[in-house]
Amino acid sequence: MRSHHVSRVIRAPSNAVYDFASNVANLPEWAVGLAQSRVVQKGAVLLVQSPMGRVKVQFVERNTFGVIDHDVTLPSGTVVTNPVRVLPHPHGAEVVFTVRQIERDDAEFARDIGIVQEDLDRLAHVLGDPT
């Protein structure tokens, strides 16, 4: 299984980026690679309509470390752990998302990497960073 780290510097304070990105209600605004409609929360589990079909998502608890890791249970039942970090950066924040090649061929893996990059670019735009 291969992994690829996708990162994006966002010209906004890292705590603001973390607060927005870790709020599950905001997912459809920026993370369309995961949430294509309103998120339904059932306890600690989110039910989400994604490009992969209906998935279950569970995030780590809010924390002071900028960690937004989350497990996605695919329609096949496979659980994918997605490491995500919001790091302080000299120009604001850097978001790093690790994409893993699970149940994907090389072309699908490359497409997933592109989708994550688009999501991080959208996050930057929503937070007021036009670059």
N, C-alpha and C. Protein backbone atom coordinates (compact mmCIF):
# COMPACT_ATOMS: atom_id res chain seq x y z
N MET A 1 0.85 -1.18 0.00
CA MET A 1 0.00 0.00 0.00
C MET A 1 0.89 1.24 0.00
N ARG A 2 0.63 2.13 -0.94
CA ARG A 2 1.39 3.37 -1.01
C ARG A 2 0.64 4.48 -0.28
N SER A 3 1.41 5.48 0.16
CA SER A 3 0.85 6.69 0.76
C SER A 3 1.42 7.89 0.04
N HIS A 4 0.65 8.96 0.01
CA HIS A 4 1.10 10.21 -0.60
C HIS A 4 0.61 11.35 0.29
N HIS A 5 1.54 12.26 0.63
CA HIS A 5 1.18 13.40 1.48
C HIS A 5 0.84 14.60 0.59
N VAL A 6 -0.35 15.13 0.78
CA VAL A 6 -0.80 16.31 0.05
C VAL A 6 -0.81 17.46 1.06
N SER A 7 -0.19 18.59 0.70
CA SER A 7 -0.19 19.71 1.64
C SER A 7 -0.59 20.99 0.93
N ARG A 8 -1.05 21.93 1.76
CA ARG A 8 -1.46 23.24 1.25
C ARG A 8 -1.20 24.26 2.35
N VAL A 9 -0.47 25.31 2.02
CA VAL A 9 -0.30 26.42 2.94
C VAL A 9 -1.50 27.34 2.78
N ILE A 10 -2.08 27.73 3.90
CA ILE A 10 -3.25 28.61 3.92
C ILE A 10 -2.90 29.86 4.70
N ARG A 11 -3.13 31.00 4.10
CA ARG A 11 -2.80 32.27 4.74
C ARG A 11 -3.91 32.65 5.73
N ALA A 12 -3.92 31.91 6.83
CA ALA A 12 -4.85 32.14 7.93
C ALA A 12 -4.21 31.52 9.17
N PRO A 13 -4.55 32.01 10.35
CA PRO A 13 -3.97 31.44 11.57
C PRO A 13 -4.30 29.94 11.69
N SER A 14 -3.33 29.18 12.15
CA SER A 14 -3.53 27.73 12.21
C SER A 14 -4.71 27.34 13.10
N ASN A 15 -4.94 28.09 14.18
CA ASN A 15 -6.08 27.75 15.05
C ASN A 15 -7.41 28.00 14.33
N ALA A 16 -7.48 29.02 13.47
CA ALA A 16 -8.71 29.29 12.71
C ALA A 16 -8.93 28.20 11.66
N VAL A 17 -7.86 27.76 11.02
CA VAL A 17 -7.96 26.69 10.03
C VAL A 17 -8.42 25.40 10.72
N TYR A 18 -7.81 25.09 11.84
CA TYR A 18 -8.20 23.89 12.59
C TYR A 18 -9.66 23.96 13.02
N ASP A 19 -10.07 25.09 13.60
CA ASP A 19 -11.45 25.23 14.08
C ASP A 19 -12.44 25.01 12.95
N PHE A 20 -12.18 25.59 11.79
CA PHE A 20 -13.12 25.46 10.67
C PHE A 20 -13.09 24.04 10.09
N ALA A 21 -11.90 23.53 9.83
CA ALA A 21 -11.78 22.24 9.16
C ALA A 21 -12.24 21.08 10.05
N SER A 22 -12.10 21.21 11.35
CA SER A 22 -12.49 20.13 12.26
C SER A 22 -13.97 20.16 12.62
N ASN A 23 -14.67 21.21 12.22
CA ASN A 23 -16.11 21.31 12.47
C ASN A 23 -16.83 20.52 11.40
N VAL A 24 -17.43 19.39 11.77
CA VAL A 24 -18.03 18.49 10.78
C VAL A 24 -19.16 19.15 9.98
N ALA A 25 -19.80 20.14 10.54
CA ALA A 25 -20.86 20.84 9.82
C ALA A 25 -20.31 21.58 8.59
N ASN A 26 -19.02 21.90 8.61
CA ASN A 26 -18.40 22.62 7.50
C ASN A 26 -17.90 21.72 6.38
N LEU A 27 -17.90 20.41 6.58
CA LEU A 27 -17.33 19.50 5.58
C LEU A 27 -17.89 19.71 4.17
N PRO A 28 -19.21 19.83 3.99
CA PRO A 28 -19.71 20.00 2.61
C PRO A 28 -19.23 21.27 1.92
N GLU A 29 -18.78 22.25 2.70
CA GLU A 29 -18.28 23.50 2.11
C GLU A 29 -16.92 23.35 1.47
N TRP A 30 -16.12 22.44 1.99
CA TRP A 30 -14.76 22.35 1.48
C TRP A 30 -14.29 20.93 1.15
N ALA A 31 -14.80 19.93 1.82
CA ALA A 31 -14.32 18.55 1.63
C ALA A 31 -15.29 17.74 0.78
N VAL A 32 -15.53 18.21 -0.44
CA VAL A 32 -16.51 17.53 -1.30
C VAL A 32 -16.00 16.16 -1.75
N GLY A 33 -14.71 15.90 -1.60
CA GLY A 33 -14.19 14.56 -1.86
C GLY A 33 -14.66 13.56 -0.82
N LEU A 34 -15.21 14.06 0.29
CA LEU A 34 -15.75 13.22 1.35
C LEU A 34 -17.25 13.43 1.53
N ALA A 35 -17.67 14.67 1.62
CA ALA A 35 -19.07 14.97 1.96
C ALA A 35 -19.72 15.80 0.86
N GLN A 36 -20.65 15.19 0.14
CA GLN A 36 -21.31 15.90 -0.95
C GLN A 36 -22.66 16.48 -0.56
N SER A 37 -23.06 16.26 0.67
CA SER A 37 -24.32 16.81 1.17
C SER A 37 -24.20 16.98 2.67
N ARG A 38 -25.27 17.43 3.27
CA ARG A 38 -25.29 17.64 4.72
C ARG A 38 -24.85 16.37 5.45
N VAL A 39 -24.10 16.56 6.50
CA VAL A 39 -23.60 15.46 7.31
C VAL A 39 -24.64 15.11 8.37
N VAL A 40 -24.94 13.82 8.51
CA VAL A 40 -25.86 13.35 9.54
C VAL A 40 -25.02 12.75 10.65
N GLN A 41 -25.20 13.28 11.86
CA GLN A 41 -24.40 12.81 12.99
C GLN A 41 -25.25 11.92 13.88
N LYS A 42 -24.71 10.71 14.16
CA LYS A 42 -25.35 9.75 15.06
C LYS A 42 -24.33 9.39 16.12
N GLY A 43 -24.36 10.12 17.22
CA GLY A 43 -23.34 9.95 18.26
C GLY A 43 -22.00 10.41 17.73
N ALA A 44 -20.99 9.57 17.85
CA ALA A 44 -19.65 9.93 17.38
C ALA A 44 -19.44 9.61 15.90
N VAL A 45 -20.44 8.97 15.27
CA VAL A 45 -20.32 8.55 13.88
C VAL A 45 -21.08 9.50 12.97
N LEU A 46 -20.47 9.84 11.83
CA LEU A 46 -21.12 10.66 10.82
C LEU A 46 -21.52 9.77 9.66
N LEU A 47 -22.69 10.03 9.12
CA LEU A 47 -23.14 9.36 7.91
C LEU A 47 -23.07 10.38 6.79
N VAL A 48 -22.35 10.04 5.72
CA VAL A 48 -22.03 11.01 4.70
C VAL A 48 -22.26 10.40 3.32
N GLN A 49 -22.87 11.18 2.44
CA GLN A 49 -22.94 10.78 1.03
C GLN A 49 -21.68 11.30 0.35
N SER A 50 -20.86 10.38 -0.14
CA SER A 50 -19.57 10.75 -0.73
C SER A 50 -19.52 10.27 -2.18
N PRO A 51 -18.47 10.65 -2.90
CA PRO A 51 -18.30 10.13 -4.26
C PRO A 51 -18.17 8.60 -4.29
N MET A 52 -17.81 8.00 -3.14
CA MET A 52 -17.65 6.54 -3.04
C MET A 52 -18.96 5.85 -2.66
N GLY A 53 -20.01 6.63 -2.43
CA GLY A 53 -21.27 6.11 -1.91
C GLY A 53 -21.45 6.56 -0.48
N ARG A 54 -22.40 5.97 0.21
CA ARG A 54 -22.65 6.34 1.60
C ARG A 54 -21.56 5.73 2.48
N VAL A 55 -20.91 6.57 3.27
CA VAL A 55 -19.82 6.11 4.14
C VAL A 55 -20.08 6.57 5.56
N LYS A 56 -19.41 5.89 6.47
CA LYS A 56 -19.41 6.29 7.88
C LYS A 56 -18.06 6.91 8.18
N VAL A 57 -18.08 8.00 8.95
CA VAL A 57 -16.85 8.71 9.27
C VAL A 57 -16.81 8.94 10.77
N GLN A 58 -15.64 8.73 11.34
CA GLN A 58 -15.45 9.01 12.75
C GLN A 58 -14.14 9.76 12.93
N PHE A 59 -14.24 10.98 13.48
CA PHE A 59 -13.09 11.84 13.71
C PHE A 59 -12.54 11.65 15.10
N VAL A 60 -11.24 11.94 15.26
CA VAL A 60 -10.67 12.00 16.61
C VAL A 60 -11.31 13.18 17.32
N GLU A 61 -11.22 13.16 18.63
CA GLU A 61 -11.77 14.28 19.40
C GLU A 61 -10.96 15.55 19.13
N ARG A 62 -11.63 16.69 19.28
CA ARG A 62 -10.92 17.96 19.15
C ARG A 62 -9.73 17.96 20.09
N ASN A 63 -8.65 18.59 19.66
CA ASN A 63 -7.42 18.55 20.44
C ASN A 63 -6.62 19.82 20.20
N THR A 64 -5.57 19.99 20.96
CA THR A 64 -4.73 21.18 20.83
C THR A 64 -3.54 20.97 19.91
N PHE A 65 -3.49 19.82 19.24
CA PHE A 65 -2.34 19.47 18.42
C PHE A 65 -2.59 19.67 16.92
N GLY A 66 -3.79 20.09 16.54
CA GLY A 66 -4.09 20.28 15.12
C GLY A 66 -4.34 18.99 14.38
N VAL A 67 -4.69 17.93 15.09
CA VAL A 67 -4.93 16.62 14.48
C VAL A 67 -6.40 16.49 14.12
N ILE A 68 -6.66 16.14 12.85
CA ILE A 68 -8.03 15.92 12.39
C ILE A 68 -8.12 14.53 11.74
N ASP A 69 -7.44 13.57 12.32
CA ASP A 69 -7.49 12.21 11.77
C ASP A 69 -8.93 11.71 11.79
N HIS A 70 -9.25 10.89 10.81
CA HIS A 70 -10.59 10.32 10.76
C HIS A 70 -10.58 8.98 10.03
N ASP A 71 -11.44 8.09 10.50
CA ASP A 71 -11.63 6.80 9.87
C ASP A 71 -12.86 6.88 8.97
N VAL A 72 -12.72 6.37 7.76
CA VAL A 72 -13.84 6.31 6.83
C VAL A 72 -14.12 4.84 6.57
N THR A 73 -15.35 4.42 6.85
CA THR A 73 -15.77 3.06 6.54
C THR A 73 -16.43 3.10 5.17
N LEU A 74 -15.77 2.46 4.20
CA LEU A 74 -16.24 2.46 2.82
C LEU A 74 -17.47 1.56 2.68
N PRO A 75 -18.22 1.70 1.58
CA PRO A 75 -19.36 0.81 1.37
C PRO A 75 -18.98 -0.67 1.40
N SER A 76 -17.73 -1.00 1.07
CA SER A 76 -17.26 -2.39 1.10
C SER A 76 -17.05 -2.90 2.53
N GLY A 77 -17.03 -1.98 3.50
CA GLY A 77 -16.75 -2.35 4.88
C GLY A 77 -15.31 -2.08 5.28
N THR A 78 -14.44 -1.80 4.31
CA THR A 78 -13.05 -1.48 4.60
C THR A 78 -12.97 -0.15 5.34
N VAL A 79 -12.14 -0.10 6.38
CA VAL A 79 -11.94 1.13 7.13
C VAL A 79 -10.60 1.74 6.70
N VAL A 80 -10.66 3.00 6.29
CA VAL A 80 -9.47 3.73 5.88
C VAL A 80 -9.21 4.83 6.91
N THR A 81 -8.01 4.82 7.49
CA THR A 81 -7.61 5.87 8.42
C THR A 81 -6.92 6.98 7.64
N ASN A 82 -7.42 8.20 7.77
CA ASN A 82 -6.88 9.35 7.06
C ASN A 82 -6.20 10.29 8.05
N PRO A 83 -4.87 10.31 8.08
CA PRO A 83 -4.16 11.26 8.94
C PRO A 83 -4.23 12.67 8.34
N VAL A 84 -4.61 13.64 9.15
CA VAL A 84 -4.67 15.04 8.72
C VAL A 84 -4.11 15.90 9.84
N ARG A 85 -3.24 16.83 9.46
CA ARG A 85 -2.63 17.73 10.43
C ARG A 85 -2.76 19.16 9.97
N VAL A 86 -3.04 20.05 10.92
CA VAL A 86 -2.98 21.49 10.68
C VAL A 86 -1.78 21.98 11.48
N LEU A 87 -0.77 22.45 10.77
CA LEU A 87 0.50 22.84 11.39
C LEU A 87 0.70 24.35 11.29
N PRO A 88 1.25 24.97 12.31
CA PRO A 88 1.62 26.38 12.18
C PRO A 88 2.66 26.51 11.05
N HIS A 89 2.57 27.60 10.31
CA HIS A 89 3.47 27.87 9.19
C HIS A 89 3.81 29.35 9.21
N PRO A 90 4.98 29.75 8.74
CA PRO A 90 5.33 31.18 8.74
C PRO A 90 4.31 32.07 8.01
N HIS A 91 3.58 31.50 7.07
CA HIS A 91 2.57 32.28 6.34
C HIS A 91 1.15 31.95 6.79
N GLY A 92 0.98 31.31 7.92
CA GLY A 92 -0.35 30.98 8.43
C GLY A 92 -0.39 29.55 8.94
N ALA A 93 -0.93 28.65 8.09
CA ALA A 93 -1.06 27.25 8.47
C ALA A 93 -0.73 26.38 7.27
N GLU A 94 -0.28 25.17 7.57
CA GLU A 94 -0.11 24.17 6.52
C GLU A 94 -0.97 22.97 6.89
N VAL A 95 -1.81 22.55 5.96
CA VAL A 95 -2.63 21.37 6.17
C VAL A 95 -1.98 20.23 5.39
N VAL A 96 -1.74 19.11 6.08
CA VAL A 96 -1.13 17.94 5.47
C VAL A 96 -2.11 16.78 5.59
N PHE A 97 -2.46 16.18 4.45
CA PHE A 97 -3.42 15.08 4.38
C PHE A 97 -2.70 13.90 3.74
N THR A 98 -2.69 12.76 4.43
CA THR A 98 -2.07 11.56 3.88
C THR A 98 -3.13 10.73 3.16
N VAL A 99 -2.90 10.51 1.86
CA VAL A 99 -3.80 9.69 1.04
C VAL A 99 -3.17 8.31 0.94
N ARG A 100 -3.98 7.29 1.18
CA ARG A 100 -3.48 5.91 1.12
C ARG A 100 -4.16 5.16 -0.02
N GLN A 101 -3.38 4.33 -0.68
CA GLN A 101 -3.89 3.56 -1.81
C GLN A 101 -4.48 2.26 -1.29
N ILE A 102 -5.76 2.32 -0.96
CA ILE A 102 -6.48 1.14 -0.47
C ILE A 102 -7.65 0.90 -1.42
N GLU A 103 -7.74 -0.32 -1.93
CA GLU A 103 -8.80 -0.70 -2.86
C GLU A 103 -8.82 0.19 -4.10
N ARG A 104 -7.68 0.72 -4.51
CA ARG A 104 -7.59 1.61 -5.67
C ARG A 104 -6.46 1.15 -6.57
N ASP A 105 -6.69 1.23 -7.89
CA ASP A 105 -5.56 1.02 -8.80
C ASP A 105 -4.79 2.33 -8.90
N ASP A 106 -3.71 2.33 -9.66
CA ASP A 106 -2.85 3.52 -9.73
C ASP A 106 -3.59 4.75 -10.25
N ALA A 107 -4.44 4.57 -11.25
CA ALA A 107 -5.18 5.71 -11.81
C ALA A 107 -6.17 6.28 -10.78
N GLU A 108 -6.85 5.41 -10.05
CA GLU A 108 -7.79 5.86 -9.03
C GLU A 108 -7.05 6.53 -7.88
N PHE A 109 -5.89 6.01 -7.53
CA PHE A 109 -5.07 6.61 -6.47
C PHE A 109 -4.65 8.03 -6.88
N ALA A 110 -4.20 8.18 -8.10
CA ALA A 110 -3.82 9.51 -8.61
C ALA A 110 -5.02 10.45 -8.59
N ARG A 111 -6.19 9.94 -8.95
CA ARG A 111 -7.41 10.76 -8.93
C ARG A 111 -7.73 11.18 -7.49
N ASP A 112 -7.60 10.26 -6.54
CA ASP A 112 -7.86 10.57 -5.13
C ASP A 112 -6.92 11.67 -4.63
N ILE A 113 -5.66 11.60 -5.03
CA ILE A 113 -4.69 12.63 -4.64
C ILE A 113 -5.13 13.98 -5.19
N GLY A 114 -5.58 14.01 -6.43
CA GLY A 114 -6.06 15.26 -7.04
C GLY A 114 -7.29 15.79 -6.33
N ILE A 115 -8.19 14.92 -5.93
CA ILE A 115 -9.40 15.34 -5.22
C ILE A 115 -9.04 15.97 -3.88
N VAL A 116 -8.11 15.35 -3.16
CA VAL A 116 -7.68 15.90 -1.87
C VAL A 116 -7.03 17.26 -2.08
N GLN A 117 -6.20 17.41 -3.12
CA GLN A 117 -5.59 18.72 -3.39
C GLN A 117 -6.66 19.77 -3.68
N GLU A 118 -7.67 19.41 -4.46
CA GLU A 118 -8.78 20.34 -4.74
C GLU A 118 -9.51 20.71 -3.45
N ASP A 119 -9.73 19.73 -2.57
CA ASP A 119 -10.39 20.01 -1.29
C ASP A 119 -9.57 20.98 -0.45
N LEU A 120 -8.25 20.78 -0.39
CA LEU A 120 -7.42 21.69 0.40
C LEU A 120 -7.38 23.08 -0.23
N ASP A 121 -7.38 23.16 -1.55
CA ASP A 121 -7.45 24.46 -2.22
C ASP A 121 -8.79 25.15 -1.91
N ARG A 122 -9.87 24.37 -1.90
CA ARG A 122 -11.19 24.91 -1.58
C ARG A 122 -11.23 25.40 -0.14
N LEU A 123 -10.61 24.65 0.78
CA LEU A 123 -10.53 25.07 2.18
C LEU A 123 -9.83 26.42 2.28
N ALA A 124 -8.73 26.57 1.58
CA ALA A 124 -8.01 27.84 1.59
C ALA A 124 -8.89 28.97 1.07
N HIS A 125 -9.59 28.71 -0.02
CA HIS A 125 -10.45 29.73 -0.61
C HIS A 125 -11.58 30.13 0.35
N VAL A 126 -12.22 29.13 0.97
CA VAL A 126 -13.31 29.40 1.92
C VAL A 126 -12.80 30.24 3.09
N LEU A 127 -11.55 30.03 3.48
CA LEU A 127 -10.97 30.77 4.59
C LEU A 127 -10.35 32.10 4.17
N GLY A 128 -10.58 32.49 2.91
CA GLY A 128 -10.17 33.81 2.47
C GLY A 128 -8.80 33.91 1.86
N ASP A 129 -8.19 32.77 1.55
CA ASP A 129 -6.86 32.78 0.92
C ASP A 129 -7.03 32.54 -0.58
N PRO A 130 -6.90 33.58 -1.40
CA PRO A 130 -7.13 33.41 -2.84
C PRO A 130 -5.95 32.78 -3.60
N THR A 131 -4.81 32.57 -2.94
CA THR A 131 -3.63 32.05 -3.65
C THR A 131 -3.70 30.57 -3.88
